[in-house]
Amino acid sequence: MDCENISQLISSNVEATQYFNSLSAEMQQKILDRGTGVNTLDKLKEFKNLVENNGLK
């Protein structure tokens, strides 16, 4: 099920919450700041990899 945004995803999906909480505080903040459209666990993982590989600041 797709959520409306990252906040809804991590508040309603246990697996996404666990994954998000396993990330560093810096990575969590980058995702919250720039993760527009991150509304599934797969998109969360993809965006995290994008940030890591491309160094989004």
N, C-alpha and C. Protein backbone atom coordinates (compact mmCIF):
# COMPACT_ATOMS: atom_id res chain seq x y z
N MET A 1 0.84 -1.19 0.00
CA MET A 1 0.00 0.00 0.00
C MET A 1 0.88 1.25 0.00
N ASP A 2 0.58 2.16 -0.91
CA ASP A 2 1.30 3.42 -0.95
C ASP A 2 0.71 4.38 0.07
N CYS A 3 1.61 5.11 0.72
CA CYS A 3 1.20 6.16 1.65
C CYS A 3 1.31 7.50 0.94
N GLU A 4 0.83 8.54 1.57
CA GLU A 4 0.89 9.87 0.96
C GLU A 4 2.29 10.45 0.99
N ASN A 5 3.07 10.15 2.05
CA ASN A 5 4.40 10.75 2.18
C ASN A 5 5.24 9.91 3.14
N ILE A 6 6.49 10.31 3.31
CA ILE A 6 7.42 9.57 4.15
C ILE A 6 6.94 9.53 5.60
N SER A 7 6.39 10.60 6.09
CA SER A 7 5.93 10.62 7.49
C SER A 7 4.82 9.61 7.72
N GLN A 8 3.88 9.55 6.80
CA GLN A 8 2.80 8.57 6.92
C GLN A 8 3.34 7.16 6.79
N LEU A 9 4.29 6.96 5.89
CA LEU A 9 4.89 5.64 5.70
C LEU A 9 5.53 5.13 6.99
N ILE A 10 6.37 5.96 7.60
CA ILE A 10 7.07 5.47 8.79
C ILE A 10 6.18 5.41 10.03
N SER A 11 5.03 6.05 9.98
CA SER A 11 4.12 5.94 11.12
C SER A 11 3.12 4.80 10.96
N SER A 12 2.98 4.27 9.75
CA SER A 12 1.96 3.24 9.52
C SER A 12 2.50 1.89 9.08
N ASN A 13 3.78 1.81 8.74
CA ASN A 13 4.36 0.57 8.23
C ASN A 13 5.49 0.14 9.15
N VAL A 14 5.30 -0.96 9.85
CA VAL A 14 6.28 -1.42 10.84
C VAL A 14 7.64 -1.68 10.21
N GLU A 15 7.65 -2.34 9.06
CA GLU A 15 8.92 -2.66 8.40
C GLU A 15 9.65 -1.38 7.97
N ALA A 16 8.91 -0.42 7.43
CA ALA A 16 9.51 0.85 7.03
C ALA A 16 10.04 1.60 8.25
N THR A 17 9.30 1.55 9.34
CA THR A 17 9.74 2.20 10.58
C THR A 17 11.04 1.60 11.08
N GLN A 18 11.11 0.27 11.09
CA GLN A 18 12.33 -0.40 11.54
C GLN A 18 13.51 -0.06 10.64
N TYR A 19 13.28 -0.05 9.33
CA TYR A 19 14.34 0.29 8.38
C TYR A 19 14.80 1.74 8.59
N PHE A 20 13.85 2.65 8.67
CA PHE A 20 14.16 4.06 8.85
C PHE A 20 14.95 4.27 10.14
N ASN A 21 14.51 3.63 11.22
CA ASN A 21 15.19 3.78 12.51
C ASN A 21 16.58 3.17 12.53
N SER A 22 16.87 2.26 11.60
CA SER A 22 18.20 1.66 11.53
C SER A 22 19.21 2.58 10.85
N LEU A 23 18.72 3.62 10.19
CA LEU A 23 19.60 4.56 9.48
C LEU A 23 20.18 5.58 10.45
N SER A 24 21.29 6.16 10.05
CA SER A 24 21.90 7.20 10.88
C SER A 24 20.97 8.41 10.96
N ALA A 25 21.15 9.19 12.00
CA ALA A 25 20.33 10.40 12.16
C ALA A 25 20.50 11.33 10.97
N GLU A 26 21.71 11.42 10.46
CA GLU A 26 21.97 12.28 9.30
C GLU A 26 21.19 11.78 8.07
N MET A 27 21.22 10.48 7.84
CA MET A 27 20.50 9.91 6.69
C MET A 27 18.99 10.10 6.88
N GLN A 28 18.50 9.89 8.09
CA GLN A 28 17.07 10.09 8.35
C GLN A 28 16.67 11.52 8.01
N GLN A 29 17.47 12.48 8.41
CA GLN A 29 17.14 13.88 8.16
C GLN A 29 17.16 14.19 6.67
N LYS A 30 18.14 13.65 5.94
CA LYS A 30 18.19 13.87 4.49
C LYS A 30 16.94 13.32 3.83
N ILE A 31 16.51 12.15 4.27
CA ILE A 31 15.32 11.54 3.69
C ILE A 31 14.09 12.39 4.01
N LEU A 32 13.97 12.84 5.24
CA LEU A 32 12.83 13.68 5.62
C LEU A 32 12.84 15.01 4.86
N ASP A 33 14.03 15.58 4.66
CA ASP A 33 14.15 16.88 3.99
C ASP A 33 13.92 16.79 2.49
N ARG A 34 14.39 15.72 1.87
CA ARG A 34 14.39 15.65 0.41
C ARG A 34 13.62 14.48 -0.17
N GLY A 35 12.98 13.72 0.67
CA GLY A 35 12.33 12.50 0.21
C GLY A 35 10.92 12.67 -0.31
N THR A 36 10.69 13.72 -1.05
CA THR A 36 9.38 13.94 -1.66
C THR A 36 9.07 12.75 -2.57
N GLY A 37 7.92 12.18 -2.38
CA GLY A 37 7.52 11.04 -3.20
C GLY A 37 7.91 9.70 -2.63
N VAL A 38 8.64 9.70 -1.51
CA VAL A 38 8.98 8.45 -0.85
C VAL A 38 7.76 8.01 -0.06
N ASN A 39 7.04 7.02 -0.61
CA ASN A 39 5.80 6.61 0.04
C ASN A 39 5.62 5.09 0.11
N THR A 40 6.69 4.34 -0.20
CA THR A 40 6.70 2.89 -0.04
C THR A 40 8.05 2.49 0.53
N LEU A 41 8.12 1.30 1.08
CA LEU A 41 9.39 0.81 1.61
C LEU A 41 10.43 0.70 0.50
N ASP A 42 10.04 0.21 -0.66
CA ASP A 42 10.98 0.11 -1.78
C ASP A 42 11.52 1.48 -2.18
N LYS A 43 10.66 2.47 -2.24
CA LYS A 43 11.11 3.82 -2.58
C LYS A 43 12.02 4.39 -1.50
N LEU A 44 11.75 4.06 -0.24
CA LEU A 44 12.61 4.49 0.85
C LEU A 44 14.00 3.91 0.68
N LYS A 45 14.09 2.63 0.38
CA LYS A 45 15.39 1.98 0.17
C LYS A 45 16.10 2.55 -1.05
N GLU A 46 15.37 2.77 -2.14
CA GLU A 46 15.95 3.36 -3.35
C GLU A 46 16.49 4.76 -3.07
N PHE A 47 15.73 5.56 -2.36
CA PHE A 47 16.15 6.93 -2.09
C PHE A 47 17.38 6.95 -1.20
N LYS A 48 17.42 6.07 -0.20
CA LYS A 48 18.59 5.96 0.68
C LYS A 48 19.83 5.63 -0.15
N ASN A 49 19.71 4.68 -1.09
CA ASN A 49 20.84 4.33 -1.95
C ASN A 49 21.23 5.49 -2.84
N LEU A 50 20.27 6.22 -3.35
CA LEU A 50 20.55 7.39 -4.18
C LEU A 50 21.34 8.43 -3.39
N VAL A 51 20.92 8.69 -2.17
CA VAL A 51 21.61 9.66 -1.32
C VAL A 51 23.04 9.20 -1.06
N GLU A 52 23.21 7.92 -0.73
CA GLU A 52 24.55 7.39 -0.46
C GLU A 52 25.45 7.46 -1.68
N ASN A 53 24.93 7.07 -2.82
CA ASN A 53 25.74 6.98 -4.03
C ASN A 53 26.02 8.33 -4.67
N ASN A 54 25.12 9.27 -4.51
CA ASN A 54 25.28 10.58 -5.16
C ASN A 54 25.60 11.69 -4.19
N GLY A 55 25.65 11.37 -2.92
CA GLY A 55 26.03 12.36 -1.92
C GLY A 55 25.12 13.56 -1.85
N LEU A 56 23.82 13.36 -1.99
CA LEU A 56 22.90 14.49 -1.87
C LEU A 56 23.07 15.14 -0.52
N LYS A 57 23.14 16.45 -0.52
CA LYS A 57 23.36 17.18 0.72
C LYS A 57 22.13 17.95 1.09
